[in-house]
């Protein structure tokens, strides 16, 4: 073992970790090692590209119209000024 690490988990995650360790018949540390390895090996293509999703949305005609979009941006701008006390 090269590194000993301590971290806090919520109850649901801790229970999932214990169930996986029992199902796989390995230690909880091994479950974490395998999970980190699997997450790291995910192909970038499998991770959704936000820009591509937006392009597809607008290409399909399912996006906001310009007037509604501009109104929303103006509302957010005013809200942020209010939050800052301006």
C-alpha atoms as a PDB file:
ATOM      1  CA  UNK A   1       0.000   0.000   0.000  1.00  0.00           C
ATOM      2  CA  UNK A   2       1.473   3.363  -0.951  1.00  0.00           C
ATOM      3  CA  UNK A   3      -1.109   5.891   0.292  1.00  0.00           C
ATOM      4  CA  UNK A   4      -3.524   5.860   3.184  1.00  0.00           C
ATOM      5  CA  UNK A   5      -6.421   8.272   2.663  1.00  0.00           C
ATOM      6  CA  UNK A   6      -9.331   9.334   4.816  1.00  0.00           C
ATOM      7  CA  UNK A   7     -12.504  10.864   3.415  1.00  0.00           C
ATOM      8  CA  UNK A   8     -16.097  11.347   4.498  1.00  0.00           C
ATOM      9  CA  UNK A   9     -19.061   9.779   2.697  1.00  0.00           C
ATOM     10  CA  UNK A  10     -22.755  10.362   3.123  1.00  0.00           C
ATOM     11  CA  UNK A  11     -24.679   7.390   4.521  1.00  0.00           C
ATOM     12  CA  UNK A  12     -26.119   6.269   1.172  1.00  0.00           C
ATOM     13  CA  UNK A  13     -22.702   6.230  -0.514  1.00  0.00           C
ATOM     14  CA  UNK A  14     -21.117   4.385   2.404  1.00  0.00           C
ATOM     15  CA  UNK A  15     -23.823   1.715   2.175  1.00  0.00           C
ATOM     16  CA  UNK A  16     -23.349   1.384  -1.586  1.00  0.00           C
ATOM     17  CA  UNK A  17     -19.612   0.979  -1.069  1.00  0.00           C
ATOM     18  CA  UNK A  18     -20.192  -1.775   1.506  1.00  0.00           C
ATOM     19  CA  UNK A  19     -22.713  -3.584  -0.728  1.00  0.00           C
ATOM     20  CA  UNK A  20     -20.347  -3.498  -3.704  1.00  0.00           C
ATOM     21  CA  UNK A  21     -17.462  -4.776  -1.586  1.00  0.00           C
ATOM     22  CA  UNK A  22     -19.616  -7.679  -0.392  1.00  0.00           C
ATOM     23  CA  UNK A  23     -20.940  -8.442  -3.890  1.00  0.00           C
ATOM     24  CA  UNK A  24     -17.477  -8.350  -5.462  1.00  0.00           C
ATOM     25  CA  UNK A  25     -15.894 -10.083  -2.441  1.00  0.00           C
ATOM     26  CA  UNK A  26     -13.169  -7.446  -2.182  1.00  0.00           C
ATOM     27  CA  UNK A  27     -12.237  -4.697   0.264  1.00  0.00           C
ATOM     28  CA  UNK A  28     -13.874  -1.289   0.197  1.00  0.00           C
ATOM     29  CA  UNK A  29     -10.514   0.130  -0.883  1.00  0.00           C
ATOM     30  CA  UNK A  30     -10.529  -2.208  -3.891  1.00  0.00           C
ATOM     31  CA  UNK A  31     -14.021  -1.000  -4.821  1.00  0.00           C
ATOM     32  CA  UNK A  32     -12.710   2.568  -4.767  1.00  0.00           C
ATOM     33  CA  UNK A  33      -9.627   1.623  -6.823  1.00  0.00           C
ATOM     34  CA  UNK A  34     -11.726  -0.150  -9.454  1.00  0.00           C
ATOM     35  CA  UNK A  35     -14.264   2.670  -9.586  1.00  0.00           C
ATOM     36  CA  UNK A  36     -11.592   5.342 -10.022  1.00  0.00           C
ATOM     37  CA  UNK A  37      -9.918   3.295 -12.753  1.00  0.00           C
ATOM     38  CA  UNK A  38     -13.213   2.785 -14.577  1.00  0.00           C
ATOM     39  CA  UNK A  39     -14.112   6.477 -14.339  1.00  0.00           C
ATOM     40  CA  UNK A  40     -10.690   7.474 -15.663  1.00  0.00           C
ATOM     41  CA  UNK A  41     -10.950   5.041 -18.577  1.00  0.00           C
ATOM     42  CA  UNK A  42     -14.250   6.415 -19.826  1.00  0.00           C
ATOM     43  CA  UNK A  43     -13.819   7.571 -23.360  1.00  0.00           C
ATOM     44  CA  UNK A  44     -14.233  11.267 -23.850  1.00  0.00           C
ATOM     45  CA  UNK A  45     -16.776  10.515 -26.560  1.00  0.00           C
ATOM     46  CA  UNK A  46     -19.029   8.924 -23.931  1.00  0.00           C
ATOM     47  CA  UNK A  47     -19.099  12.144 -21.928  1.00  0.00           C
ATOM     48  CA  UNK A  48     -21.732  14.528 -23.325  1.00  0.00           C
ATOM     49  CA  UNK A  49     -20.304  17.608 -25.037  1.00  0.00           C
ATOM     50  CA  UNK A  50     -22.402  20.592 -23.867  1.00  0.00           C
ATOM     51  CA  UNK A  51     -21.654  22.597 -27.018  1.00  0.00           C
ATOM     52  CA  UNK A  52     -22.750  19.723 -29.262  1.00  0.00           C
ATOM     53  CA  UNK A  53     -25.940  19.296 -27.242  1.00  0.00           C
ATOM     54  CA  UNK A  54     -26.764  22.988 -27.642  1.00  0.00           C
ATOM     55  CA  UNK A  55     -26.011  22.882 -31.364  1.00  0.00           C
ATOM     56  CA  UNK A  56     -28.325  19.905 -31.797  1.00  0.00           C
ATOM     57  CA  UNK A  57     -31.046  21.634 -29.768  1.00  0.00           C
ATOM     58  CA  UNK A  58     -30.933  24.774 -31.881  1.00  0.00           C
ATOM     59  CA  UNK A  59     -30.643  22.827 -35.134  1.00  0.00           C
ATOM     60  CA  UNK A  60     -33.841  20.968 -34.232  1.00  0.00           C
ATOM     61  CA  UNK A  61     -35.671  24.233 -33.610  1.00  0.00           C
ATOM     62  CA  UNK A  62     -36.185  23.357 -29.949  1.00  0.00           C
ATOM     63  CA  UNK A  63     -34.301  26.327 -28.509  1.00  0.00           C
ATOM     64  CA  UNK A  64     -35.577  29.563 -27.043  1.00  0.00           C
ATOM     65  CA  UNK A  65     -36.501  32.288 -29.427  1.00  0.00           C
ATOM     66  CA  UNK A  66     -34.227  35.341 -29.406  1.00  0.00           C
ATOM     67  CA  UNK A  67     -36.707  37.605 -27.597  1.00  0.00           C
ATOM     68  CA  UNK A  68     -37.231  35.141 -24.718  1.00  0.00           C
ATOM     69  CA  UNK A  69     -33.484  34.513 -24.462  1.00  0.00           C
ATOM     70  CA  UNK A  70     -32.680  38.217 -24.280  1.00  0.00           C
ATOM     71  CA  UNK A  71     -35.417  38.768 -21.670  1.00  0.00           C
ATOM     72  CA  UNK A  72     -33.984  35.970 -19.541  1.00  0.00           C
ATOM     73  CA  UNK A  73     -30.449  37.368 -19.761  1.00  0.00           C
ATOM     74  CA  UNK A  74     -31.723  40.829 -18.767  1.00  0.00           C
ATOM     75  CA  UNK A  75     -33.572  39.340 -15.783  1.00  0.00           C
ATOM     76  CA  UNK A  76     -30.476  37.481 -14.595  1.00  0.00           C
ATOM     77  CA  UNK A  77     -28.383  40.633 -15.004  1.00  0.00           C
ATOM     78  CA  UNK A  78     -30.815  42.666 -12.877  1.00  0.00           C
ATOM     79  CA  UNK A  79     -31.022  39.940 -10.232  1.00  0.00           C
ATOM     80  CA  UNK A  80     -27.238  39.797  -9.936  1.00  0.00           C
ATOM     81  CA  UNK A  81     -27.076  43.570  -9.512  1.00  0.00           C
ATOM     82  CA  UNK A  82     -29.695  43.311  -6.745  1.00  0.00           C
ATOM     83  CA  UNK A  83     -27.780  40.488  -4.989  1.00  0.00           C
ATOM     84  CA  UNK A  84     -24.634  42.590  -5.032  1.00  0.00           C
ATOM     85  CA  UNK A  85     -26.512  45.542  -3.556  1.00  0.00           C
ATOM     86  CA  UNK A  86     -25.979  47.755  -6.607  1.00  0.00           C
END
